[in-house]
PDB file of N, CA and C in Angstrom:
ATOM      1  N   MET A   1     -27.679 -54.366 -27.516  1.00  0.00           N
ATOM      2  CA  MET A   1     -27.834 -52.999 -27.086  1.00  0.00           C
ATOM      3  C   MET A   1     -29.129 -52.447 -27.665  1.00  0.00           C
ATOM      4  N   LYS A   2     -29.931 -51.881 -26.792  1.00  0.00           N
ATOM      5  CA  LYS A   2     -31.197 -51.289 -27.202  1.00  0.00           C
ATOM      6  C   LYS A   2     -31.296 -49.932 -26.534  1.00  0.00           C
ATOM      7  N   LYS A   3     -31.313 -48.883 -27.369  1.00  0.00           N
ATOM      8  CA  LYS A   3     -31.307 -47.515 -26.842  1.00  0.00           C
ATOM      9  C   LYS A   3     -32.254 -46.633 -27.633  1.00  0.00           C
ATOM     10  N   ILE A   4     -32.781 -45.649 -26.933  1.00  0.00           N
ATOM     11  CA  ILE A   4     -33.593 -44.620 -27.582  1.00  0.00           C
ATOM     12  C   ILE A   4     -33.086 -43.264 -27.110  1.00  0.00           C
ATOM     13  N   TYR A   5     -32.779 -42.406 -28.076  1.00  0.00           N
ATOM     14  CA  TYR A   5     -32.388 -41.033 -27.791  1.00  0.00           C
ATOM     15  C   TYR A   5     -33.548 -40.151 -28.227  1.00  0.00           C
ATOM     16  N   TYR A   6     -34.058 -39.348 -27.305  1.00  0.00           N
ATOM     17  CA  TYR A   6     -35.243 -38.547 -27.610  1.00  0.00           C
ATOM     18  C   TYR A   6     -35.207 -37.227 -26.860  1.00  0.00           C
ATOM     19  N   LEU A   7     -36.163 -36.379 -27.159  1.00  0.00           N
ATOM     20  CA  LEU A   7     -36.317 -35.101 -26.473  1.00  0.00           C
ATOM     21  C   LEU A   7     -37.675 -35.121 -25.780  1.00  0.00           C
ATOM     22  N   LYS A   8     -37.682 -34.908 -24.467  1.00  0.00           N
ATOM     23  CA  LYS A   8     -38.928 -35.049 -23.706  1.00  0.00           C
ATOM     24  C   LYS A   8     -39.971 -33.990 -24.042  1.00  0.00           C
ATOM     25  N   THR A   9     -39.568 -32.889 -24.627  1.00  0.00           N
ATOM     26  CA  THR A   9     -40.531 -31.853 -25.003  1.00  0.00           C
ATOM     27  C   THR A   9     -41.068 -32.042 -26.417  1.00  0.00           C
ATOM     28  N   CYS A  10     -40.620 -33.084 -27.090  1.00  0.00           N
ATOM     29  CA  CYS A  10     -41.038 -33.341 -28.470  1.00  0.00           C
ATOM     30  C   CYS A  10     -42.250 -34.271 -28.474  1.00  0.00           C
ATOM     31  N   ASP A  11     -43.387 -33.752 -28.896  1.00  0.00           N
ATOM     32  CA  ASP A  11     -44.608 -34.555 -28.934  1.00  0.00           C
ATOM     33  C   ASP A  11     -44.488 -35.726 -29.903  1.00  0.00           C
ATOM     34  N   THR A  12     -43.780 -35.537 -30.994  1.00  0.00           N
ATOM     35  CA  THR A  12     -43.600 -36.621 -31.964  1.00  0.00           C
ATOM     36  C   THR A  12     -42.809 -37.766 -31.338  1.00  0.00           C
ATOM     37  N   CYS A  13     -41.751 -37.455 -30.621  1.00  0.00           N
ATOM     38  CA  CYS A  13     -40.970 -38.490 -29.941  1.00  0.00           C
ATOM     39  C   CYS A  13     -41.847 -39.252 -28.949  1.00  0.00           C
ATOM     40  N   LYS A  14     -42.609 -38.516 -28.163  1.00  0.00           N
ATOM     41  CA  LYS A  14     -43.472 -39.153 -27.162  1.00  0.00           C
ATOM     42  C   LYS A  14     -44.511 -40.043 -27.828  1.00  0.00           C
ATOM     43  N   ARG A  15     -45.107 -39.583 -28.925  1.00  0.00           N
ATOM     44  CA  ARG A  15     -46.115 -40.375 -29.633  1.00  0.00           C
ATOM     45  C   ARG A  15     -45.503 -41.674 -30.166  1.00  0.00           C
ATOM     46  N   ILE A  16     -44.337 -41.576 -30.756  1.00  0.00           N
ATOM     47  CA  ILE A  16     -43.661 -42.755 -31.306  1.00  0.00           C
ATOM     48  C   ILE A  16     -43.326 -43.730 -30.197  1.00  0.00           C
ATOM     49  N   MET A  17     -42.802 -43.239 -29.102  1.00  0.00           N
ATOM     50  CA  MET A  17     -42.419 -44.113 -27.996  1.00  0.00           C
ATOM     51  C   MET A  17     -43.632 -44.810 -27.381  1.00  0.00           C
ATOM     52  N   ARG A  18     -44.758 -44.119 -27.304  1.00  0.00           N
ATOM     53  CA  ARG A  18     -45.981 -44.744 -26.768  1.00  0.00           C
ATOM     54  C   ARG A  18     -46.468 -45.879 -27.665  1.00  0.00           C
ATOM     55  N   SER A  19     -46.167 -45.791 -28.952  1.00  0.00           N
ATOM     56  CA  SER A  19     -46.664 -46.797 -29.893  1.00  0.00           C
ATOM     57  C   SER A  19     -45.800 -48.064 -29.942  1.00  0.00           C
ATOM     58  N   LEU A  20     -44.682 -48.066 -29.235  1.00  0.00           N
ATOM     59  CA  LEU A  20     -43.753 -49.197 -29.289  1.00  0.00           C
ATOM     60  C   LEU A  20     -43.652 -49.900 -27.950  1.00  0.00           C
ATOM     61  N   SER A  21     -43.278 -51.160 -27.992  1.00  0.00           N
ATOM     62  CA  SER A  21     -42.982 -51.911 -26.782  1.00  0.00           C
ATOM     63  C   SER A  21     -41.503 -51.699 -26.475  1.00  0.00           C
ATOM     64  N   LEU A  22     -41.226 -50.965 -25.419  1.00  0.00           N
ATOM     65  CA  LEU A  22     -39.855 -50.548 -25.142  1.00  0.00           C
ATOM     66  C   LEU A  22     -39.179 -51.343 -24.028  1.00  0.00           C
ATOM     67  N   ASP A  23     -39.669 -52.542 -23.778  1.00  0.00           N
ATOM     68  CA  ASP A  23     -39.049 -53.390 -22.768  1.00  0.00           C
ATOM     69  C   ASP A  23     -37.601 -53.667 -23.144  1.00  0.00           C
ATOM     70  N   GLY A  24     -36.703 -53.465 -22.196  1.00  0.00           N
ATOM     71  CA  GLY A  24     -35.296 -53.733 -22.432  1.00  0.00           C
ATOM     72  C   GLY A  24     -34.524 -52.588 -23.071  1.00  0.00           C
ATOM     73  N   PHE A  25     -35.183 -51.481 -23.374  1.00  0.00           N
ATOM     74  CA  PHE A  25     -34.510 -50.336 -23.989  1.00  0.00           C
ATOM     75  C   PHE A  25     -34.007 -49.367 -22.913  1.00  0.00           C
ATOM     76  N   THR A  26     -32.837 -48.814 -23.139  1.00  0.00           N
ATOM     77  CA  THR A  26     -32.327 -47.709 -22.334  1.00  0.00           C
ATOM     78  C   THR A  26     -32.845 -46.443 -22.991  1.00  0.00           C
ATOM     79  N   ILE A  27     -33.564 -45.642 -22.221  1.00  0.00           N
ATOM     80  CA  ILE A  27     -34.183 -44.440 -22.774  1.00  0.00           C
ATOM     81  C   ILE A  27     -33.386 -43.231 -22.297  1.00  0.00           C
ATOM     82  N   ARG A  28     -32.965 -42.426 -23.237  1.00  0.00           N
ATOM     83  CA  ARG A  28     -32.056 -41.320 -22.947  1.00  0.00           C
ATOM     84  C   ARG A  28     -32.598 -39.994 -23.461  1.00  0.00           C
ATOM     85  N   GLU A  29     -32.815 -39.055 -22.553  1.00  0.00           N
ATOM     86  CA  GLU A  29     -33.291 -37.727 -22.896  1.00  0.00           C
ATOM     87  C   GLU A  29     -32.062 -36.869 -23.198  1.00  0.00           C
ATOM     88  N   ILE A  30     -31.984 -36.310 -24.403  1.00  0.00           N
ATOM     89  CA  ILE A  30     -30.749 -35.688 -24.879  1.00  0.00           C
ATOM     90  C   ILE A  30     -30.550 -34.232 -24.458  1.00  0.00           C
ATOM     91  N   LYS A  31     -31.580 -33.590 -23.946  1.00  0.00           N
ATOM     92  CA  LYS A  31     -31.399 -32.209 -23.510  1.00  0.00           C
ATOM     93  C   LYS A  31     -30.742 -32.168 -22.137  1.00  0.00           C
ATOM     94  N   THR A  32     -31.219 -32.990 -21.225  1.00  0.00           N
ATOM     95  CA  THR A  32     -30.681 -32.987 -19.869  1.00  0.00           C
ATOM     96  C   THR A  32     -29.368 -33.746 -19.759  1.00  0.00           C
ATOM     97  N   LYS A  33     -29.160 -34.705 -20.647  1.00  0.00           N
ATOM     98  CA  LYS A  33     -27.909 -35.462 -20.662  1.00  0.00           C
ATOM     99  C   LYS A  33     -27.457 -35.597 -22.115  1.00  0.00           C
ATOM    100  N   PRO A  34     -26.693 -34.623 -22.586  1.00  0.00           N
ATOM    101  CA  PRO A  34     -26.279 -34.608 -23.998  1.00  0.00           C
ATOM    102  C   PRO A  34     -25.538 -35.873 -24.407  1.00  0.00           C
ATOM    103  N   ILE A  35     -25.632 -36.189 -25.677  1.00  0.00           N
ATOM    104  CA  ILE A  35     -24.945 -37.371 -26.178  1.00  0.00           C
ATOM    105  C   ILE A  35     -23.436 -37.146 -26.141  1.00  0.00           C
ATOM    106  N   THR A  36     -22.711 -38.234 -25.977  1.00  0.00           N
ATOM    107  CA  THR A  36     -21.258 -38.174 -25.907  1.00  0.00           C
ATOM    108  C   THR A  36     -20.660 -38.458 -27.281  1.00  0.00           C
ATOM    109  N   VAL A  37     -19.382 -38.210 -27.402  1.00  0.00           N
ATOM    110  CA  VAL A  37     -18.675 -38.490 -28.647  1.00  0.00           C
ATOM    111  C   VAL A  37     -18.789 -39.973 -28.981  1.00  0.00           C
ATOM    112  N   SER A  38     -18.596 -40.842 -27.988  1.00  0.00           N
ATOM    113  CA  SER A  38     -18.651 -42.289 -28.254  1.00  0.00           C
ATOM    114  C   SER A  38     -20.053 -42.729 -28.657  1.00  0.00           C
ATOM    115  N   GLU A  39     -21.094 -42.134 -28.081  1.00  0.00           N
ATOM    116  CA  GLU A  39     -22.465 -42.477 -28.478  1.00  0.00           C
ATOM    117  C   GLU A  39     -22.731 -42.033 -29.913  1.00  0.00           C
ATOM    118  N   LEU A  40     -22.275 -40.842 -30.257  1.00  0.00           N
ATOM    119  CA  LEU A  40     -22.470 -40.351 -31.616  1.00  0.00           C
ATOM    120  C   LEU A  40     -21.695 -41.210 -32.614  1.00  0.00           C
ATOM    121  N   GLU A  41     -20.503 -41.623 -32.249  1.00  0.00           N
ATOM    122  CA  GLU A  41     -19.710 -42.487 -33.131  1.00  0.00           C
ATOM    123  C   GLU A  41     -20.369 -43.853 -33.305  1.00  0.00           C
ATOM    124  N   GLU A  42     -21.024 -44.349 -32.254  1.00  0.00           N
ATOM    125  CA  GLU A  42     -21.772 -45.605 -32.342  1.00  0.00           C
ATOM    126  C   GLU A  42     -22.927 -45.445 -33.338  1.00  0.00           C
ATOM    127  N   MET A  43     -23.640 -44.311 -33.264  1.00  0.00           N
ATOM    128  CA  MET A  43     -24.731 -44.037 -34.205  1.00  0.00           C
ATOM    129  C   MET A  43     -24.178 -43.936 -35.623  1.00  0.00           C
ATOM    130  N   PHE A  44     -23.026 -43.303 -35.770  1.00  0.00           N
ATOM    131  CA  PHE A  44     -22.383 -43.163 -37.080  1.00  0.00           C
ATOM    132  C   PHE A  44     -22.038 -44.528 -37.670  1.00  0.00           C
ATOM    133  N   GLN A  45     -21.513 -45.426 -36.858  1.00  0.00           N
ATOM    134  CA  GLN A  45     -21.154 -46.766 -37.339  1.00  0.00           C
ATOM    135  C   GLN A  45     -22.383 -47.497 -37.887  1.00  0.00           C
ATOM    136  N   LEU A  46     -23.522 -47.298 -37.261  1.00  0.00           N
ATOM    137  CA  LEU A  46     -24.744 -47.976 -37.698  1.00  0.00           C
ATOM    138  C   LEU A  46     -25.419 -47.271 -38.876  1.00  0.00           C
ATOM    139  N   SER A  47     -25.317 -45.949 -38.924  1.00  0.00           N
ATOM    140  CA  SER A  47     -26.024 -45.193 -39.963  1.00  0.00           C
ATOM    141  C   SER A  47     -25.175 -44.953 -41.207  1.00  0.00           C
ATOM    142  N   GLY A  48     -23.867 -44.890 -41.033  1.00  0.00           N
ATOM    143  CA  GLY A  48     -22.985 -44.662 -42.168  1.00  0.00           C
ATOM    144  C   GLY A  48     -22.636 -43.210 -42.439  1.00  0.00           C
ATOM    145  N   SER A  49     -23.329 -42.272 -41.768  1.00  0.00           N
ATOM    146  CA  SER A  49     -22.979 -40.865 -41.958  1.00  0.00           C
ATOM    147  C   SER A  49     -23.523 -40.014 -40.817  1.00  0.00           C
ATOM    148  N   TYR A  50     -22.813 -38.922 -40.573  1.00  0.00           N
ATOM    149  CA  TYR A  50     -23.299 -37.955 -39.587  1.00  0.00           C
ATOM    150  C   TYR A  50     -24.437 -37.135 -40.186  1.00  0.00           C
ATOM    151  N   GLU A  51     -24.394 -36.951 -41.492  1.00  0.00           N
ATOM    152  CA  GLU A  51     -25.442 -36.175 -42.147  1.00  0.00           C
ATOM    153  C   GLU A  51     -26.817 -36.814 -41.947  1.00  0.00           C
ATOM    154  N   SER A  52     -26.872 -38.145 -41.966  1.00  0.00           N
ATOM    155  CA  SER A  52     -28.159 -38.828 -41.766  1.00  0.00           C
ATOM    156  C   SER A  52     -28.690 -38.629 -40.352  1.00  0.00           C
ATOM    157  N   LEU A  53     -27.825 -38.276 -39.418  1.00  0.00           N
ATOM    158  CA  LEU A  53     -28.214 -38.033 -38.026  1.00  0.00           C
ATOM    159  C   LEU A  53     -28.535 -36.563 -37.764  1.00  0.00           C
ATOM    160  N   PHE A  54     -28.283 -35.724 -38.743  1.00  0.00           N
ATOM    161  CA  PHE A  54     -28.395 -34.274 -38.582  1.00  0.00           C
ATOM    162  C   PHE A  54     -29.795 -33.780 -38.946  1.00  0.00           C
ATOM    163  N   SER A  55     -30.340 -32.927 -38.093  1.00  0.00           N
ATOM    164  CA  SER A  55     -31.670 -32.364 -38.322  1.00  0.00           C
ATOM    165  C   SER A  55     -31.576 -30.974 -38.937  1.00  0.00           C
ATOM    166  N   ARG A  56     -32.095 -30.858 -40.140  1.00  0.00           N
ATOM    167  CA  ARG A  56     -32.159 -29.552 -40.780  1.00  0.00           C
ATOM    168  C   ARG A  56     -33.388 -28.768 -40.318  1.00  0.00           C
ATOM    169  N   ARG A  57     -34.211 -29.386 -39.494  1.00  0.00           N
ATOM    170  CA  ARG A  57     -35.391 -28.708 -38.955  1.00  0.00           C
ATOM    171  C   ARG A  57     -35.064 -27.863 -37.728  1.00  0.00           C
ATOM    172  N   ALA A  58     -33.875 -28.049 -37.180  1.00  0.00           N
ATOM    173  CA  ALA A  58     -33.477 -27.289 -35.990  1.00  0.00           C
ATOM    174  C   ALA A  58     -33.533 -25.791 -36.303  1.00  0.00           C
ATOM    175  N   LYS A  59     -34.074 -25.023 -35.389  1.00  0.00           N
ATOM    176  CA  LYS A  59     -34.189 -23.575 -35.589  1.00  0.00           C
ATOM    177  C   LYS A  59     -32.824 -22.931 -35.795  1.00  0.00           C
ATOM    178  N   LYS A  60     -31.822 -23.471 -35.144  1.00  0.00           N
ATOM    179  CA  LYS A  60     -30.469 -22.909 -35.263  1.00  0.00           C
ATOM    180  C   LYS A  60     -29.879 -23.133 -36.653  1.00  0.00           C
ATOM    181  N   TYR A  61     -30.387 -24.105 -37.373  1.00  0.00           N
ATOM    182  CA  TYR A  61     -29.876 -24.384 -38.721  1.00  0.00           C
ATOM    183  C   TYR A  61     -30.028 -23.158 -39.615  1.00  0.00           C
ATOM    184  N   ALA A  62     -31.201 -22.571 -39.597  1.00  0.00           N
ATOM    185  CA  ALA A  62     -31.435 -21.362 -40.396  1.00  0.00           C
ATOM    186  C   ALA A  62     -30.817 -20.142 -39.722  1.00  0.00           C
ATOM    187  N   ALA A  63     -30.948 -20.072 -38.402  1.00  0.00           N
ATOM    188  CA  ALA A  63     -30.444 -18.914 -37.671  1.00  0.00           C
ATOM    189  C   ALA A  63     -28.935 -18.744 -37.826  1.00  0.00           C
ATOM    190  N   MET A  64     -28.211 -19.836 -37.924  1.00  0.00           N
ATOM    191  CA  MET A  64     -26.759 -19.787 -38.067  1.00  0.00           C
ATOM    192  C   MET A  64     -26.325 -19.688 -39.535  1.00  0.00           C
ATOM    193  N   GLY A  65     -27.297 -19.669 -40.433  1.00  0.00           N
ATOM    194  CA  GLY A  65     -26.981 -19.570 -41.854  1.00  0.00           C
ATOM    195  C   GLY A  65     -26.376 -20.837 -42.432  1.00  0.00           C
ATOM    196  N   LEU A  66     -26.629 -21.960 -41.798  1.00  0.00           N
ATOM    197  CA  LEU A  66     -26.033 -23.226 -42.238  1.00  0.00           C
ATOM    198  C   LEU A  66     -26.610 -23.709 -43.556  1.00  0.00           C
ATOM    199  N   LYS A  67     -27.834 -23.296 -43.855  1.00  0.00           N
ATOM    200  CA  LYS A  67     -28.449 -23.752 -45.109  1.00  0.00           C
ATOM    201  C   LYS A  67     -27.732 -23.185 -46.327  1.00  0.00           C
ATOM    202  N   ASP A  68     -26.965 -22.125 -46.123  1.00  0.00           N
ATOM    203  CA  ASP A  68     -26.233 -21.504 -47.220  1.00  0.00           C
ATOM    204  C   ASP A  68     -24.776 -21.967 -47.297  1.00  0.00           C
ATOM    205  N   GLN A  69     -24.413 -22.903 -46.421  1.00  0.00           N
ATOM    206  CA  GLN A  69     -23.037 -23.399 -46.384  1.00  0.00           C
ATOM    207  C   GLN A  69     -22.970 -24.842 -46.882  1.00  0.00           C
ATOM    208  N   LYS A  70     -21.812 -25.210 -47.392  1.00  0.00           N
ATOM    209  CA  LYS A  70     -21.594 -26.603 -47.779  1.00  0.00           C
ATOM    210  C   LYS A  70     -20.953 -27.294 -46.585  1.00  0.00           C
ATOM    211  N   LEU A  71     -21.721 -28.149 -45.938  1.00  0.00           N
ATOM    212  CA  LEU A  71     -21.239 -28.824 -44.740  1.00  0.00           C
ATOM    213  C   LEU A  71     -20.637 -30.180 -45.087  1.00  0.00           C
ATOM    214  N   GLU A  72     -19.588 -30.537 -44.388  1.00  0.00           N
ATOM    215  CA  GLU A  72     -18.918 -31.829 -44.535  1.00  0.00           C
ATOM    216  C   GLU A  72     -19.293 -32.701 -43.339  1.00  0.00           C
ATOM    217  N   GLU A  73     -18.934 -33.978 -43.403  1.00  0.00           N
ATOM    218  CA  GLU A  73     -19.245 -34.906 -42.312  1.00  0.00           C
ATOM    219  C   GLU A  73     -18.714 -34.404 -40.967  1.00  0.00           C
ATOM    220  N   VAL A  74     -17.501 -33.881 -40.954  1.00  0.00           N
ATOM    221  CA  VAL A  74     -16.915 -33.385 -39.703  1.00  0.00           C
ATOM    222  C   VAL A  74     -17.738 -32.216 -39.149  1.00  0.00           C
ATOM    223  N   ASP A  75     -18.304 -31.393 -40.027  1.00  0.00           N
ATOM    224  CA  ASP A  75     -19.153 -30.281 -39.598  1.00  0.00           C
ATOM    225  C   ASP A  75     -20.435 -30.795 -38.945  1.00  0.00           C
ATOM    226  N   TYR A  76     -21.054 -31.792 -39.576  1.00  0.00           N
ATOM    227  CA  TYR A  76     -22.274 -32.369 -39.004  1.00  0.00           C
ATOM    228  C   TYR A  76     -21.993 -32.935 -37.614  1.00  0.00           C
ATOM    229  N   LYS A  77     -20.889 -33.642 -37.492  1.00  0.00           N
ATOM    230  CA  LYS A  77     -20.516 -34.237 -36.197  1.00  0.00           C
ATOM    231  C   LYS A  77     -20.367 -33.155 -35.136  1.00  0.00           C
ATOM    232  N   GLN A  78     -19.607 -32.110 -35.443  1.00  0.00           N
ATOM    233  CA  GLN A  78     -19.372 -31.030 -34.482  1.00  0.00           C
ATOM    234  C   GLN A  78     -20.668 -30.320 -34.108  1.00  0.00           C
ATOM    235  N   LEU A  79     -21.521 -30.077 -35.078  1.00  0.00           N
ATOM    236  CA  LEU A  79     -22.786 -29.400 -34.796  1.00  0.00           C
ATOM    237  C   LEU A  79     -23.684 -30.240 -33.897  1.00  0.00           C
ATOM    238  N   ILE A  80     -23.767 -31.535 -34.170  1.00  0.00           N
ATOM    239  CA  ILE A  80     -24.590 -32.416 -33.333  1.00  0.00           C
ATOM    240  C   ILE A  80     -24.063 -32.429 -31.907  1.00  0.00           C
ATOM    241  N   LEU A  81     -22.751 -32.481 -31.750  1.00  0.00           N
ATOM    242  CA  LEU A  81     -22.164 -32.493 -30.408  1.00  0.00           C
ATOM    243  C   LEU A  81     -22.304 -31.145 -29.708  1.00  0.00           C
ATOM    244  N   SER A  82     -22.381 -30.073 -30.481  1.00  0.00           N
ATOM    245  CA  SER A  82     -22.452 -28.736 -29.881  1.00  0.00           C
ATOM    246  C   SER A  82     -23.843 -28.382 -29.370  1.00  0.00           C
ATOM    247  N   ASP A  83     -24.890 -28.961 -29.956  1.00  0.00           N
ATOM    248  CA  ASP A  83     -26.253 -28.611 -29.551  1.00  0.00           C
ATOM    249  C   ASP A  83     -27.199 -29.778 -29.825  1.00  0.00           C
ATOM    250  N   TYR A  84     -27.941 -30.179 -28.809  1.00  0.00           N
ATOM    251  CA  TYR A  84     -28.838 -31.327 -28.904  1.00  0.00           C
ATOM    252  C   TYR A  84     -29.887 -31.176 -30.007  1.00  0.00           C
ATOM    253  N   THR A  85     -30.245 -29.956 -30.362  1.00  0.00           N
ATOM    254  CA  THR A  85     -31.302 -29.758 -31.358  1.00  0.00           C
ATOM    255  C   THR A  85     -30.885 -30.206 -32.758  1.00  0.00           C
ATOM    256  N   PHE A  86     -29.583 -30.384 -32.977  1.00  0.00           N
ATOM    257  CA  PHE A  86     -29.119 -30.807 -34.293  1.00  0.00           C
ATOM    258  C   PHE A  86     -29.214 -32.315 -34.503  1.00  0.00           C
ATOM    259  N   LEU A  87     -29.527 -33.080 -33.461  1.00  0.00           N
ATOM    260  CA  LEU A  87     -29.698 -34.525 -33.643  1.00  0.00           C
ATOM    261  C   LEU A  87     -31.120 -34.804 -34.113  1.00  0.00           C
ATOM    262  N   LYS A  88     -31.234 -35.467 -35.241  1.00  0.00           N
ATOM    263  CA  LYS A  88     -32.555 -35.867 -35.745  1.00  0.00           C
ATOM    264  C   LYS A  88     -33.102 -36.888 -34.754  1.00  0.00           C
ATOM    265  N   ARG A  89     -34.361 -36.748 -34.385  1.00  0.00           N
ATOM    266  CA  ARG A  89     -34.888 -37.626 -33.347  1.00  0.00           C
ATOM    267  C   ARG A  89     -36.298 -38.081 -33.646  1.00  0.00           C
ATOM    268  N   PRO A  90     -36.650 -39.180 -33.013  1.00  0.00           N
ATOM    269  CA  PRO A  90     -35.836 -39.987 -32.109  1.00  0.00           C
ATOM    270  C   PRO A  90     -34.824 -40.845 -32.880  1.00  0.00           C
ATOM    271  N   VAL A  91     -33.798 -41.262 -32.162  1.00  0.00           N
ATOM    272  CA  VAL A  91     -32.861 -42.255 -32.687  1.00  0.00           C
ATOM    273  C   VAL A  91     -33.108 -43.517 -31.874  1.00  0.00           C
ATOM    274  N   ILE A  92     -33.466 -44.581 -32.576  1.00  0.00           N
ATOM    275  CA  ILE A  92     -33.765 -45.848 -31.914  1.00  0.00           C
ATOM    276  C   ILE A  92     -32.777 -46.885 -32.424  1.00  0.00           C
ATOM    277  N   ILE A  93     -32.032 -47.481 -31.485  1.00  0.00           N
ATOM    278  CA  ILE A  93     -31.043 -48.507 -31.823  1.00  0.00           C
ATOM    279  C   ILE A  93     -31.487 -49.809 -31.191  1.00  0.00           C
ATOM    280  N   SER A  94     -31.596 -50.829 -32.015  1.00  0.00           N
ATOM    281  CA  SER A  94     -31.915 -52.168 -31.530  1.00  0.00           C
ATOM    282  C   SER A  94     -30.889 -53.114 -32.127  1.00  0.00           C
ATOM    283  N   ASP A  95     -29.958 -53.526 -31.287  1.00  0.00           N
ATOM    284  CA  ASP A  95     -28.843 -54.377 -31.706  1.00  0.00           C
ATOM    285  C   ASP A  95     -28.046 -53.681 -32.809  1.00  0.00           C
ATOM    286  N   THR A  96     -28.107 -54.163 -34.051  1.00  0.00           N
ATOM    287  CA  THR A  96     -27.323 -53.549 -35.123  1.00  0.00           C
ATOM    288  C   THR A  96     -28.203 -52.764 -36.102  1.00  0.00           C
ATOM    289  N   THR A  97     -29.425 -52.464 -35.692  1.00  0.00           N
ATOM    290  CA  THR A  97     -30.358 -51.727 -36.540  1.00  0.00           C
ATOM    291  C   THR A  97     -30.613 -50.357 -35.927  1.00  0.00           C
ATOM    292  N   ILE A  98     -30.591 -49.336 -36.783  1.00  0.00           N
ATOM    293  CA  ILE A  98     -30.829 -47.973 -36.305  1.00  0.00           C
ATOM    294  C   ILE A  98     -31.971 -47.338 -37.098  1.00  0.00           C
ATOM    295  N   PHE A  99     -32.820 -46.615 -36.380  1.00  0.00           N
ATOM    296  CA  PHE A  99     -33.916 -45.864 -36.974  1.00  0.00           C
ATOM    297  C   PHE A  99     -33.728 -44.412 -36.563  1.00  0.00           C
ATOM    298  N   ILE A 100     -33.713 -43.520 -37.552  1.00  0.00           N
ATOM    299  CA  ILE A 100     -33.398 -42.123 -37.293  1.00  0.00           C
ATOM    300  C   ILE A 100     -34.541 -41.236 -37.771  1.00  0.00           C
ATOM    301  N   GLY A 101     -35.095 -40.453 -36.851  1.00  0.00           N
ATOM    302  CA  GLY A 101     -36.103 -39.480 -37.221  1.00  0.00           C
ATOM    303  C   GLY A 101     -37.506 -40.036 -37.277  1.00  0.00           C
ATOM    304  N   SER A 102     -38.405 -39.170 -37.731  1.00  0.00           N
ATOM    305  CA  SER A 102     -39.828 -39.506 -37.692  1.00  0.00           C
ATOM    306  C   SER A 102     -40.500 -39.437 -39.052  1.00  0.00           C
ATOM    307  N   ASP A 103     -39.717 -39.506 -40.136  1.00  0.00           N
ATOM    308  CA  ASP A 103     -40.361 -39.449 -41.446  1.00  0.00           C
ATOM    309  C   ASP A 103     -41.185 -40.712 -41.686  1.00  0.00           C
ATOM    310  N   LYS A 104     -42.111 -40.619 -42.598  1.00  0.00           N
ATOM    311  CA  LYS A 104     -43.093 -41.678 -42.837  1.00  0.00           C
ATOM    312  C   LYS A 104     -42.432 -43.021 -43.185  1.00  0.00           C
ATOM    313  N   LYS A 105     -41.450 -42.995 -44.072  1.00  0.00           N
ATOM    314  CA  LYS A 105     -40.768 -44.222 -44.484  1.00  0.00           C
ATOM    315  C   LYS A 105     -40.073 -44.889 -43.289  1.00  0.00           C
ATOM    316  N   ASN A 106     -39.391 -44.096 -42.482  1.00  0.00           N
ATOM    317  CA  ASN A 106     -38.699 -44.621 -41.315  1.00  0.00           C
ATOM    318  C   ASN A 106     -39.688 -45.220 -40.313  1.00  0.00           C
ATOM    319  N   MET A 107     -40.820 -44.567 -40.119  1.00  0.00           N
ATOM    320  CA  MET A 107     -41.821 -45.062 -39.173  1.00  0.00           C
ATOM    321  C   MET A 107     -42.410 -46.396 -39.635  1.00  0.00           C
ATOM    322  N   GLN A 108     -42.597 -46.546 -40.938  1.00  0.00           N
ATOM    323  CA  GLN A 108     -43.090 -47.815 -41.468  1.00  0.00           C
ATOM    324  C   GLN A 108     -42.081 -48.932 -41.211  1.00  0.00           C
ATOM    325  N   LEU A 109     -40.812 -48.661 -41.473  1.00  0.00           N
ATOM    326  CA  LEU A 109     -39.758 -49.652 -41.227  1.00  0.00           C
ATOM    327  C   LEU A 109     -39.660 -49.994 -39.745  1.00  0.00           C
ATOM    328  N   LEU A 110     -39.804 -48.997 -38.898  1.00  0.00           N
ATOM    329  CA  LEU A 110     -39.748 -49.204 -37.457  1.00  0.00           C
ATOM    330  C   LEU A 110     -40.892 -50.096 -36.983  1.00  0.00           C
ATOM    331  N   LYS A 111     -42.103 -49.840 -37.448  1.00  0.00           N
ATOM    332  CA  LYS A 111     -43.259 -50.654 -37.067  1.00  0.00           C
ATOM    333  C   LYS A 111     -43.098 -52.086 -37.534  1.00  0.00           C
ATOM    334  N   GLU A 112     -42.610 -52.273 -38.760  1.00  0.00           N
ATOM    335  CA  GLU A 112     -42.379 -53.627 -39.264  1.00  0.00           C
ATOM    336  C   GLU A 112     -41.314 -54.344 -38.445  1.00  0.00           C
ATOM    337  N   TYR A 113     -40.276 -53.639 -38.077  1.00  0.00           N
ATOM    338  CA  TYR A 113     -39.194 -54.216 -37.274  1.00  0.00           C
ATOM    339  C   TYR A 113     -39.737 -54.679 -35.926  1.00  0.00           C
ATOM    340  N   PHE A 114     -40.530 -53.831 -35.260  1.00  0.00           N
ATOM    341  CA  PHE A 114     -41.040 -54.176 -33.933  1.00  0.00           C
ATOM    342  C   PHE A 114     -42.067 -55.308 -34.001  1.00  0.00           C
ATOM    343  N   LYS A 115     -42.740 -55.483 -35.128  1.00  0.00           N
ATOM    344  CA  LYS A 115     -43.675 -56.605 -35.273  1.00  0.00           C
ATOM    345  C   LYS A 115     -42.949 -57.938 -35.327  1.00  0.00           C
ATOM    346  N   THR A 116     -41.756 -57.937 -35.923  1.00  0.00           N
ATOM    347  CA  THR A 116     -41.025 -59.203 -36.114  1.00  0.00           C
ATOM    348  C   THR A 116     -39.981 -59.467 -35.051  1.00  0.00           C
ATOM    349  N   ASN A 117     -39.667 -58.495 -34.219  1.00  0.00           N
ATOM    350  CA  ASN A 117     -38.628 -58.691 -33.187  1.00  0.00           C
ATOM    351  C   ASN A 117     -39.182 -58.546 -31.792  1.00  0.00           C
TER     352      ASN A 117
END
């Protein structure tokens, strides 16, 4: 299974996707077709937590006062399912390996992975 979950209006997602060879990947835009419970659970199985999939950069995070709350895994799951902006992106799944977000460390691991696979 090879999948990419991204937002088409996100320049960072587009830049990352242009830099990779995406042959054989299913590319999924999350605003027009929101992720399902089973897709999120698949990401959870690979990542180990919903929190790792959650974006604190989402504008709604501050607007909803979430930064002042203690969130649990079930809260992260519900928030991600309730609004596409709460999913850290892009999420790239290649077989049993998952890459979440665009931070520098993750991008380095992603580039190394694509060089060897």
